[in-house]
Amino acid sequence: LPEIVALLCLLGSFLTFMFYCEDKFLAGKDLRRIPESDLHLWELFWGWPGALAAQKIIRHKNRKISYLMIFMICVVINIIMTWGIFRYGSNDMPDRIRENSGQSQ
């Protein structure tokens, strides 16, 4: 399970970084841009490290406070999701739930 999450994080981060680069390019050419909601969706699903890198390296999407607030919410939700996967994502999930609730067979 940790390998899958690590792969998702690497892939999501790489793709999100590339989407940020594309969005900055489109903005510079005054063309139709990638919707912020799409960028936030990629950030939510393990792309936030790539988004953070893009904000620092190419200085894109790093000033608009409303955007950054939603970005931070995506980071927190992703961390909670990741914790949940590591905590409850194994094959013995029903056993763990029974153990934690005091109901054992």
C-alpha atoms as a PDB file:
ATOM      1  CA  LEU A   1       0.000   0.000   0.000  1.00  0.00           C
ATOM      2  CA  PRO A   2       2.729   2.594   0.759  1.00  0.00           C
ATOM      3  CA  GLU A   3       4.247   1.989  -2.673  1.00  0.00           C
ATOM      4  CA  ILE A   4       0.949   2.786  -4.388  1.00  0.00           C
ATOM      5  CA  VAL A   5       0.523   6.003  -2.398  1.00  0.00           C
ATOM      6  CA  ALA A   6       4.124   7.003  -3.178  1.00  0.00           C
ATOM      7  CA  LEU A   7       3.523   6.341  -6.874  1.00  0.00           C
ATOM      8  CA  LEU A   8       0.299   8.373  -6.801  1.00  0.00           C
ATOM      9  CA  CYS A   9       2.128  11.225  -5.081  1.00  0.00           C
ATOM     10  CA  LEU A  10       4.962  11.238  -7.620  1.00  0.00           C
ATOM     11  CA  LEU A  11       2.643  10.987 -10.612  1.00  0.00           C
ATOM     12  CA  GLY A  12       0.128  13.494  -9.235  1.00  0.00           C
ATOM     13  CA  SER A  13       2.864  15.949  -8.325  1.00  0.00           C
ATOM     14  CA  PHE A  14       4.547  15.698 -11.716  1.00  0.00           C
ATOM     15  CA  LEU A  15       1.272  16.163 -13.606  1.00  0.00           C
ATOM     16  CA  THR A  16       0.160  19.037 -11.385  1.00  0.00           C
ATOM     17  CA  PHE A  17       3.511  20.774 -11.830  1.00  0.00           C
ATOM     18  CA  MET A  18       3.131  20.407 -15.606  1.00  0.00           C
ATOM     19  CA  PHE A  19      -0.442  21.769 -15.484  1.00  0.00           C
ATOM     20  CA  TYR A  20       0.814  24.803 -13.563  1.00  0.00           C
ATOM     21  CA  CYS A  21       3.510  25.331 -16.224  1.00  0.00           C
ATOM     22  CA  GLU A  22       0.911  25.023 -18.985  1.00  0.00           C
ATOM     23  CA  ASP A  23      -1.431  27.435 -17.211  1.00  0.00           C
ATOM     24  CA  LYS A  24       1.349  29.997 -16.805  1.00  0.00           C
ATOM     25  CA  PHE A  25       2.252  29.630 -20.491  1.00  0.00           C
ATOM     26  CA  LEU A  26      -1.396  30.114 -21.514  1.00  0.00           C
ATOM     27  CA  ALA A  27      -1.683  33.156 -19.240  1.00  0.00           C
ATOM     28  CA  GLY A  28       1.377  34.714 -20.876  1.00  0.00           C
ATOM     29  CA  LYS A  29      -0.141  34.212 -24.339  1.00  0.00           C
ATOM     30  CA  ASP A  30      -3.541  35.533 -23.201  1.00  0.00           C
ATOM     31  CA  LEU A  31      -5.176  32.205 -24.144  1.00  0.00           C
ATOM     32  CA  ARG A  32      -7.900  30.203 -22.413  1.00  0.00           C
ATOM     33  CA  ARG A  33      -6.463  28.894 -19.158  1.00  0.00           C
ATOM     34  CA  ILE A  34      -6.853  25.768 -17.085  1.00  0.00           C
ATOM     35  CA  PRO A  35      -9.766  26.279 -14.665  1.00  0.00           C
ATOM     36  CA  GLU A  36      -8.703  26.750 -11.061  1.00  0.00           C
ATOM     37  CA  SER A  37     -11.122  24.010 -10.040  1.00  0.00           C
ATOM     38  CA  ASP A  38      -9.190  21.539 -12.221  1.00  0.00           C
ATOM     39  CA  LEU A  39      -5.900  22.582 -10.632  1.00  0.00           C
ATOM     40  CA  HIS A  40      -7.417  22.167  -7.172  1.00  0.00           C
ATOM     41  CA  LEU A  41      -8.679  18.693  -8.058  1.00  0.00           C
ATOM     42  CA  TRP A  42      -5.157  17.654  -9.060  1.00  0.00           C
ATOM     43  CA  GLU A  43      -3.796  19.195  -5.862  1.00  0.00           C
ATOM     44  CA  LEU A  44      -6.297  17.246  -3.802  1.00  0.00           C
ATOM     45  CA  PHE A  45      -5.308  13.890  -5.261  1.00  0.00           C
ATOM     46  CA  TRP A  46      -1.649  13.887  -4.276  1.00  0.00           C
ATOM     47  CA  GLY A  47      -0.597  16.683  -6.607  1.00  0.00           C
ATOM     48  CA  TRP A  48      -0.087  19.343  -3.959  1.00  0.00           C
ATOM     49  CA  PRO A  49       3.695  18.813  -3.609  1.00  0.00           C
ATOM     50  CA  GLY A  50       4.053  19.511  -7.338  1.00  0.00           C
ATOM     51  CA  ALA A  51       1.753  22.509  -7.032  1.00  0.00           C
ATOM     52  CA  LEU A  52       3.797  23.872  -4.151  1.00  0.00           C
ATOM     53  CA  ALA A  53       6.987  23.364  -6.158  1.00  0.00           C
ATOM     54  CA  ALA A  54       5.452  25.197  -9.133  1.00  0.00           C
ATOM     55  CA  GLN A  55       4.351  28.065  -6.885  1.00  0.00           C
ATOM     56  CA  LYS A  56       7.921  28.458  -5.685  1.00  0.00           C
ATOM     57  CA  ILE A  57       9.910  27.637  -8.853  1.00  0.00           C
ATOM     58  CA  ILE A  58       7.871  29.272 -11.619  1.00  0.00           C
ATOM     59  CA  ARG A  59       6.045  31.684  -9.285  1.00  0.00           C
ATOM     60  CA  HIS A  60       2.592  30.818 -10.497  1.00  0.00           C
ATOM     61  CA  LYS A  61      -0.580  30.921  -8.416  1.00  0.00           C
ATOM     62  CA  ASN A  62       1.349  32.209  -5.422  1.00  0.00           C
ATOM     63  CA  ARG A  63      -0.326  35.588  -4.769  1.00  0.00           C
ATOM     64  CA  LYS A  64      -4.082  35.195  -4.976  1.00  0.00           C
ATOM     65  CA  ILE A  65      -5.178  34.668  -1.386  1.00  0.00           C
ATOM     66  CA  SER A  66      -8.492  32.973  -2.232  1.00  0.00           C
ATOM     67  CA  TYR A  67      -6.646  30.462  -4.429  1.00  0.00           C
ATOM     68  CA  LEU A  68      -4.032  29.774  -1.747  1.00  0.00           C
ATOM     69  CA  MET A  69      -6.715  29.222   0.911  1.00  0.00           C
ATOM     70  CA  ILE A  70      -8.383  26.538  -1.202  1.00  0.00           C
ATOM     71  CA  PHE A  71      -4.945  25.089  -1.974  1.00  0.00           C
ATOM     72  CA  MET A  72      -4.254  24.756   1.770  1.00  0.00           C
ATOM     73  CA  ILE A  73      -7.633  23.090   2.306  1.00  0.00           C
ATOM     74  CA  CYS A  74      -6.711  20.593  -0.438  1.00  0.00           C
ATOM     75  CA  VAL A  75      -3.397  19.899   1.310  1.00  0.00           C
ATOM     76  CA  VAL A  76      -5.093  19.250   4.651  1.00  0.00           C
ATOM     77  CA  ILE A  77      -7.762  17.009   3.096  1.00  0.00           C
ATOM     78  CA  ASN A  78      -5.092  15.052   1.219  1.00  0.00           C
ATOM     79  CA  ILE A  79      -3.038  14.554   4.377  1.00  0.00           C
ATOM     80  CA  ILE A  80      -6.136  13.283   6.191  1.00  0.00           C
ATOM     81  CA  MET A  81      -6.976  10.974   3.255  1.00  0.00           C
ATOM     82  CA  THR A  82      -3.425   9.643   3.203  1.00  0.00           C
ATOM     83  CA  TRP A  83      -3.491   9.065   6.954  1.00  0.00           C
ATOM     84  CA  GLY A  84      -6.784   7.200   6.555  1.00  0.00           C
ATOM     85  CA  ILE A  85      -5.363   5.004   3.821  1.00  0.00           C
ATOM     86  CA  PHE A  86      -2.350   4.098   5.938  1.00  0.00           C
ATOM     87  CA  ARG A  87      -4.461   3.666   9.062  1.00  0.00           C
ATOM     88  CA  TYR A  88      -7.409   1.769   7.598  1.00  0.00           C
ATOM     89  CA  GLY A  89      -6.396   0.818   4.076  1.00  0.00           C
ATOM     90  CA  SER A  90      -5.039  -2.656   4.627  1.00  0.00           C
ATOM     91  CA  ASN A  91      -6.881  -5.931   4.056  1.00  0.00           C
ATOM     92  CA  ASP A  92      -7.626  -6.368   7.768  1.00  0.00           C
ATOM     93  CA  MET A  93      -9.687  -3.180   7.938  1.00  0.00           C
ATOM     94  CA  PRO A  94     -12.842  -4.898   9.340  1.00  0.00           C
ATOM     95  CA  ASP A  95     -10.716  -6.558  12.071  1.00  0.00           C
ATOM     96  CA  ARG A  96      -9.173  -3.218  13.020  1.00  0.00           C
ATOM     97  CA  ILE A  97     -12.592  -1.585  13.235  1.00  0.00           C
ATOM     98  CA  ARG A  98     -13.867  -4.393  15.481  1.00  0.00           C
ATOM     99  CA  GLU A  99     -10.756  -4.136  17.689  1.00  0.00           C
ATOM    100  CA  ASN A 100     -11.084  -0.367  18.027  1.00  0.00           C
ATOM    101  CA  SER A 101     -14.769  -0.520  18.860  1.00  0.00           C
ATOM    102  CA  GLY A 102     -14.340  -3.276  21.446  1.00  0.00           C
ATOM    103  CA  GLN A 103     -16.399  -5.781  19.449  1.00  0.00           C
ATOM    104  CA  SER A 104     -14.368  -8.920  18.898  1.00  0.00           C
ATOM    105  CA  GLN A 105     -15.663 -12.271  17.793  1.00  0.00           C
END
